[in-house]
């Protein structure tokens, strides 16, 4: 079997962009009480027993090494009206949390106000996967805060889910 690839990265991204993903913010707090956050569109449940979730940060991420060093994190599932929160957390700079209300999870990680749900985790494992990592988190607590429509990423844009009757 051959490993010959007959497409480029732009084609790969374009084709997979036809699959919508939810938008989450992964948060943690450093020892000096500095909150850290990164936007991920690649989050999934993995296992019920033990309860595990996963996300896939790029190896080029500047936030992921800081979250990894903390060893615990909270996944915040954004609602469709939280696009400004998404943009702010995704942006560069140290002031990602300015004006974004949040409370501490049992693990001390930020739970952003008005998210649909949150999943509090301890770091279980990290595996290399091409130009990304596969991060497994062991779930220690979780809850639905606001049952709303999720923020979705689809074909390079943000949007929301609409139910068909």
C-alpha atoms as a PDB file:
ATOM      1  CA  UNK A   1       0.000   0.000   0.000  1.00  0.00           C
ATOM      2  CA  UNK A   2       1.353   3.395  -0.978  1.00  0.00           C
ATOM      3  CA  UNK A   3       1.402   6.637   1.017  1.00  0.00           C
ATOM      4  CA  UNK A   4       1.230   8.761  -2.141  1.00  0.00           C
ATOM      5  CA  UNK A   5      -0.910  11.860  -1.574  1.00  0.00           C
ATOM      6  CA  UNK A   6      -2.643  13.240  -4.671  1.00  0.00           C
ATOM      7  CA  UNK A   7      -3.934  16.482  -3.133  1.00  0.00           C
ATOM      8  CA  UNK A   8      -2.533  19.553  -1.425  1.00  0.00           C
ATOM      9  CA  UNK A   9      -3.314  21.023   1.995  1.00  0.00           C
ATOM     10  CA  UNK A  10      -5.687  23.617   0.494  1.00  0.00           C
ATOM     11  CA  UNK A  11      -7.787  20.824  -1.041  1.00  0.00           C
ATOM     12  CA  UNK A  12      -7.737  18.902   2.242  1.00  0.00           C
ATOM     13  CA  UNK A  13      -8.940  21.982   4.142  1.00  0.00           C
ATOM     14  CA  UNK A  14     -11.608  22.816   1.516  1.00  0.00           C
ATOM     15  CA  UNK A  15     -13.098  19.322   1.480  1.00  0.00           C
ATOM     16  CA  UNK A  16     -13.097  18.885   5.262  1.00  0.00           C
ATOM     17  CA  UNK A  17     -14.577  22.385   5.600  1.00  0.00           C
ATOM     18  CA  UNK A  18     -17.822  20.837   4.394  1.00  0.00           C
ATOM     19  CA  UNK A  19     -18.143  19.124   7.762  1.00  0.00           C
ATOM     20  CA  UNK A  20     -19.439  21.558  10.416  1.00  0.00           C
ATOM     21  CA  UNK A  21     -17.792  21.633  13.808  1.00  0.00           C
ATOM     22  CA  UNK A  22     -18.811  23.110  17.124  1.00  0.00           C
ATOM     23  CA  UNK A  23     -16.731  25.900  18.599  1.00  0.00           C
ATOM     24  CA  UNK A  24     -15.275  25.599  22.098  1.00  0.00           C
ATOM     25  CA  UNK A  25     -12.908  27.578  24.271  1.00  0.00           C
ATOM     26  CA  UNK A  26     -10.435  25.534  26.301  1.00  0.00           C
ATOM     27  CA  UNK A  27      -9.418  27.399  29.459  1.00  0.00           C
ATOM     28  CA  UNK A  28      -6.972  27.004  32.321  1.00  0.00           C
ATOM     29  CA  UNK A  29      -5.334  29.183  34.973  1.00  0.00           C
ATOM     30  CA  UNK A  30      -1.597  29.455  35.461  1.00  0.00           C
ATOM     31  CA  UNK A  31       0.008  29.414  38.916  1.00  0.00           C
ATOM     32  CA  UNK A  32       0.172  33.236  38.933  1.00  0.00           C
ATOM     33  CA  UNK A  33      -3.650  33.330  38.403  1.00  0.00           C
ATOM     34  CA  UNK A  34      -3.360  34.316  34.729  1.00  0.00           C
ATOM     35  CA  UNK A  35      -6.251  32.820  32.739  1.00  0.00           C
ATOM     36  CA  UNK A  36      -5.381  31.084  29.465  1.00  0.00           C
ATOM     37  CA  UNK A  37      -7.788  30.360  26.644  1.00  0.00           C
ATOM     38  CA  UNK A  38      -7.727  28.901  23.170  1.00  0.00           C
ATOM     39  CA  UNK A  39     -10.488  28.374  20.620  1.00  0.00           C
ATOM     40  CA  UNK A  40     -10.853  24.842  19.256  1.00  0.00           C
ATOM     41  CA  UNK A  41     -13.147  23.496  16.588  1.00  0.00           C
ATOM     42  CA  UNK A  42     -11.912  19.965  16.966  1.00  0.00           C
ATOM     43  CA  UNK A  43     -13.477  18.624  20.149  1.00  0.00           C
ATOM     44  CA  UNK A  44     -15.127  15.249  20.707  1.00  0.00           C
ATOM     45  CA  UNK A  45     -16.258  12.784  23.308  1.00  0.00           C
ATOM     46  CA  UNK A  46     -14.078   9.677  23.410  1.00  0.00           C
ATOM     47  CA  UNK A  47     -15.163   7.288  26.163  1.00  0.00           C
ATOM     48  CA  UNK A  48     -17.898   6.819  28.762  1.00  0.00           C
ATOM     49  CA  UNK A  49     -15.838   4.538  31.019  1.00  0.00           C
ATOM     50  CA  UNK A  50     -13.623   6.252  31.940  1.00  0.00           C
ATOM     51  CA  UNK A  51     -15.196   9.547  30.870  1.00  0.00           C
ATOM     52  CA  UNK A  52     -12.763  11.012  28.314  1.00  0.00           C
ATOM     53  CA  UNK A  53     -12.909  13.858  25.808  1.00  0.00           C
ATOM     54  CA  UNK A  54     -10.381  15.020  23.229  1.00  0.00           C
ATOM     55  CA  UNK A  55      -9.316  18.101  21.323  1.00  0.00           C
ATOM     56  CA  UNK A  56      -6.573  18.690  18.798  1.00  0.00           C
ATOM     57  CA  UNK A  57      -4.361  21.783  19.206  1.00  0.00           C
ATOM     58  CA  UNK A  58      -1.860  22.724  16.520  1.00  0.00           C
ATOM     59  CA  UNK A  59       1.784  22.238  17.397  1.00  0.00           C
ATOM     60  CA  UNK A  60       2.236  25.938  16.573  1.00  0.00           C
ATOM     61  CA  UNK A  61      -0.237  27.030  19.279  1.00  0.00           C
ATOM     62  CA  UNK A  62       1.257  29.372  21.867  1.00  0.00           C
ATOM     63  CA  UNK A  63      -1.610  28.721  24.316  1.00  0.00           C
ATOM     64  CA  UNK A  64      -1.506  24.914  24.313  1.00  0.00           C
ATOM     65  CA  UNK A  65       1.919  24.526  26.007  1.00  0.00           C
ATOM     66  CA  UNK A  66       0.738  26.808  28.804  1.00  0.00           C
ATOM     67  CA  UNK A  67      -2.487  24.812  29.280  1.00  0.00           C
ATOM     68  CA  UNK A  68      -0.555  21.548  29.134  1.00  0.00           C
ATOM     69  CA  UNK A  69       1.799  22.781  31.878  1.00  0.00           C
ATOM     70  CA  UNK A  70      -1.201  23.430  34.155  1.00  0.00           C
ATOM     71  CA  UNK A  71      -2.408  19.830  33.713  1.00  0.00           C
ATOM     72  CA  UNK A  72      -6.122  20.623  33.919  1.00  0.00           C
ATOM     73  CA  UNK A  73      -8.544  22.538  31.750  1.00  0.00           C
ATOM     74  CA  UNK A  74     -12.193  23.313  31.095  1.00  0.00           C
ATOM     75  CA  UNK A  75     -13.886  22.988  27.709  1.00  0.00           C
ATOM     76  CA  UNK A  76     -16.516  25.723  27.254  1.00  0.00           C
ATOM     77  CA  UNK A  77     -19.068  25.042  24.485  1.00  0.00           C
ATOM     78  CA  UNK A  78     -19.990  28.371  22.916  1.00  0.00           C
ATOM     79  CA  UNK A  79     -23.532  29.431  22.045  1.00  0.00           C
ATOM     80  CA  UNK A  80     -24.330  30.946  18.648  1.00  0.00           C
ATOM     81  CA  UNK A  81     -24.512  34.446  20.182  1.00  0.00           C
ATOM     82  CA  UNK A  82     -20.962  34.179  21.560  1.00  0.00           C
ATOM     83  CA  UNK A  83     -19.094  34.931  18.332  1.00  0.00           C
ATOM     84  CA  UNK A  84     -17.502  38.051  19.948  1.00  0.00           C
ATOM     85  CA  UNK A  85     -16.155  35.864  22.791  1.00  0.00           C
ATOM     86  CA  UNK A  86     -14.750  33.458  20.209  1.00  0.00           C
ATOM     87  CA  UNK A  87     -13.010  36.238  18.290  1.00  0.00           C
ATOM     88  CA  UNK A  88     -11.564  37.811  21.427  1.00  0.00           C
ATOM     89  CA  UNK A  89     -10.164  34.555  22.831  1.00  0.00           C
ATOM     90  CA  UNK A  90      -8.818  33.555  19.395  1.00  0.00           C
ATOM     91  CA  UNK A  91      -7.021  36.871  18.963  1.00  0.00           C
ATOM     92  CA  UNK A  92      -3.417  37.560  19.875  1.00  0.00           C
ATOM     93  CA  UNK A  93      -2.270  39.279  23.009  1.00  0.00           C
ATOM     94  CA  UNK A  94      -2.409  38.935  26.764  1.00  0.00           C
ATOM     95  CA  UNK A  95      -5.852  40.519  27.277  1.00  0.00           C
ATOM     96  CA  UNK A  96      -7.991  37.657  25.990  1.00  0.00           C
ATOM     97  CA  UNK A  97     -10.206  37.680  29.095  1.00  0.00           C
ATOM     98  CA  UNK A  98     -10.742  41.444  29.413  1.00  0.00           C
ATOM     99  CA  UNK A  99     -14.479  41.989  29.836  1.00  0.00           C
ATOM    100  CA  UNK A 100     -15.281  38.269  29.614  1.00  0.00           C
ATOM    101  CA  UNK A 101     -17.062  37.204  32.793  1.00  0.00           C
ATOM    102  CA  UNK A 102     -16.218  33.790  34.172  1.00  0.00           C
ATOM    103  CA  UNK A 103     -16.155  31.737  37.343  1.00  0.00           C
ATOM    104  CA  UNK A 104     -13.797  29.035  38.536  1.00  0.00           C
ATOM    105  CA  UNK A 105     -14.555  25.357  38.072  1.00  0.00           C
ATOM    106  CA  UNK A 106     -13.794  22.888  40.862  1.00  0.00           C
ATOM    107  CA  UNK A 107     -10.387  22.448  39.194  1.00  0.00           C
ATOM    108  CA  UNK A 108      -9.911  26.225  39.127  1.00  0.00           C
ATOM    109  CA  UNK A 109     -10.277  26.607  35.356  1.00  0.00           C
ATOM    110  CA  UNK A 110     -12.436  29.424  33.960  1.00  0.00           C
ATOM    111  CA  UNK A 111     -16.030  28.580  33.102  1.00  0.00           C
ATOM    112  CA  UNK A 112     -17.124  31.364  30.762  1.00  0.00           C
ATOM    113  CA  UNK A 113     -20.475  32.976  31.526  1.00  0.00           C
ATOM    114  CA  UNK A 114     -23.367  32.123  29.207  1.00  0.00           C
ATOM    115  CA  UNK A 115     -21.765  29.076  27.580  1.00  0.00           C
ATOM    116  CA  UNK A 116     -24.049  26.233  26.585  1.00  0.00           C
ATOM    117  CA  UNK A 117     -22.131  23.707  28.657  1.00  0.00           C
ATOM    118  CA  UNK A 118     -18.751  23.133  30.235  1.00  0.00           C
ATOM    119  CA  UNK A 119     -16.585  20.067  30.793  1.00  0.00           C
ATOM    120  CA  UNK A 120     -13.936  20.235  33.534  1.00  0.00           C
ATOM    121  CA  UNK A 121     -10.975  17.902  32.947  1.00  0.00           C
ATOM    122  CA  UNK A 122      -7.594  16.747  34.117  1.00  0.00           C
ATOM    123  CA  UNK A 123      -4.991  16.076  31.455  1.00  0.00           C
ATOM    124  CA  UNK A 124      -4.942  12.333  30.753  1.00  0.00           C
ATOM    125  CA  UNK A 125      -2.605  11.974  27.752  1.00  0.00           C
ATOM    126  CA  UNK A 126      -1.078  13.840  24.824  1.00  0.00           C
ATOM    127  CA  UNK A 127      -0.155  12.130  21.545  1.00  0.00           C
ATOM    128  CA  UNK A 128       1.592  13.557  18.500  1.00  0.00           C
ATOM    129  CA  UNK A 129      -0.505  13.509  15.331  1.00  0.00           C
ATOM    130  CA  UNK A 130       1.145  15.161  12.341  1.00  0.00           C
ATOM    131  CA  UNK A 131       1.152  18.934  12.820  1.00  0.00           C
ATOM    132  CA  UNK A 132      -1.248  18.661  15.798  1.00  0.00           C
ATOM    133  CA  UNK A 133      -1.537  16.920  19.149  1.00  0.00           C
ATOM    134  CA  UNK A 134      -4.334  14.657  20.320  1.00  0.00           C
ATOM    135  CA  UNK A 135      -5.156  15.767  23.860  1.00  0.00           C
ATOM    136  CA  UNK A 136      -7.198  13.451  26.065  1.00  0.00           C
ATOM    137  CA  UNK A 137      -8.906  14.896  29.114  1.00  0.00           C
ATOM    138  CA  UNK A 138     -10.419  12.875  31.932  1.00  0.00           C
ATOM    139  CA  UNK A 139     -13.753  14.477  32.804  1.00  0.00           C
ATOM    140  CA  UNK A 140     -14.151  15.342  36.490  1.00  0.00           C
ATOM    141  CA  UNK A 141     -17.281  17.530  36.263  1.00  0.00           C
ATOM    142  CA  UNK A 142     -19.642  18.826  33.592  1.00  0.00           C
ATOM    143  CA  UNK A 143     -22.914  20.660  33.263  1.00  0.00           C
ATOM    144  CA  UNK A 144     -25.304  22.326  30.833  1.00  0.00           C
ATOM    145  CA  UNK A 145     -25.645  25.998  31.786  1.00  0.00           C
ATOM    146  CA  UNK A 146     -27.806  27.326  28.957  1.00  0.00           C
ATOM    147  CA  UNK A 147     -29.477  24.989  26.456  1.00  0.00           C
ATOM    148  CA  UNK A 148     -29.123  27.178  23.352  1.00  0.00           C
ATOM    149  CA  UNK A 149     -27.997  26.676  19.776  1.00  0.00           C
ATOM    150  CA  UNK A 150     -24.240  26.121  19.459  1.00  0.00           C
ATOM    151  CA  UNK A 151     -21.788  28.292  17.566  1.00  0.00           C
ATOM    152  CA  UNK A 152     -20.674  26.338  14.498  1.00  0.00           C
ATOM    153  CA  UNK A 153     -17.770  26.677  12.080  1.00  0.00           C
ATOM    154  CA  UNK A 154     -18.569  25.685   8.502  1.00  0.00           C
ATOM    155  CA  UNK A 155     -16.744  26.405   5.236  1.00  0.00           C
ATOM    156  CA  UNK A 156     -14.595  29.089   6.816  1.00  0.00           C
ATOM    157  CA  UNK A 157     -17.437  30.975   8.511  1.00  0.00           C
ATOM    158  CA  UNK A 158     -19.309  30.984  11.794  1.00  0.00           C
ATOM    159  CA  UNK A 159     -22.996  30.186  11.975  1.00  0.00           C
ATOM    160  CA  UNK A 160     -25.647  28.387  13.944  1.00  0.00           C
ATOM    161  CA  UNK A 161     -27.686  25.213  13.748  1.00  0.00           C
ATOM    162  CA  UNK A 162     -31.297  25.396  12.675  1.00  0.00           C
ATOM    163  CA  UNK A 163     -33.765  22.625  13.488  1.00  0.00           C
ATOM    164  CA  UNK A 164     -35.892  21.246  10.676  1.00  0.00           C
ATOM    165  CA  UNK A 165     -39.450  20.463  11.749  1.00  0.00           C
END
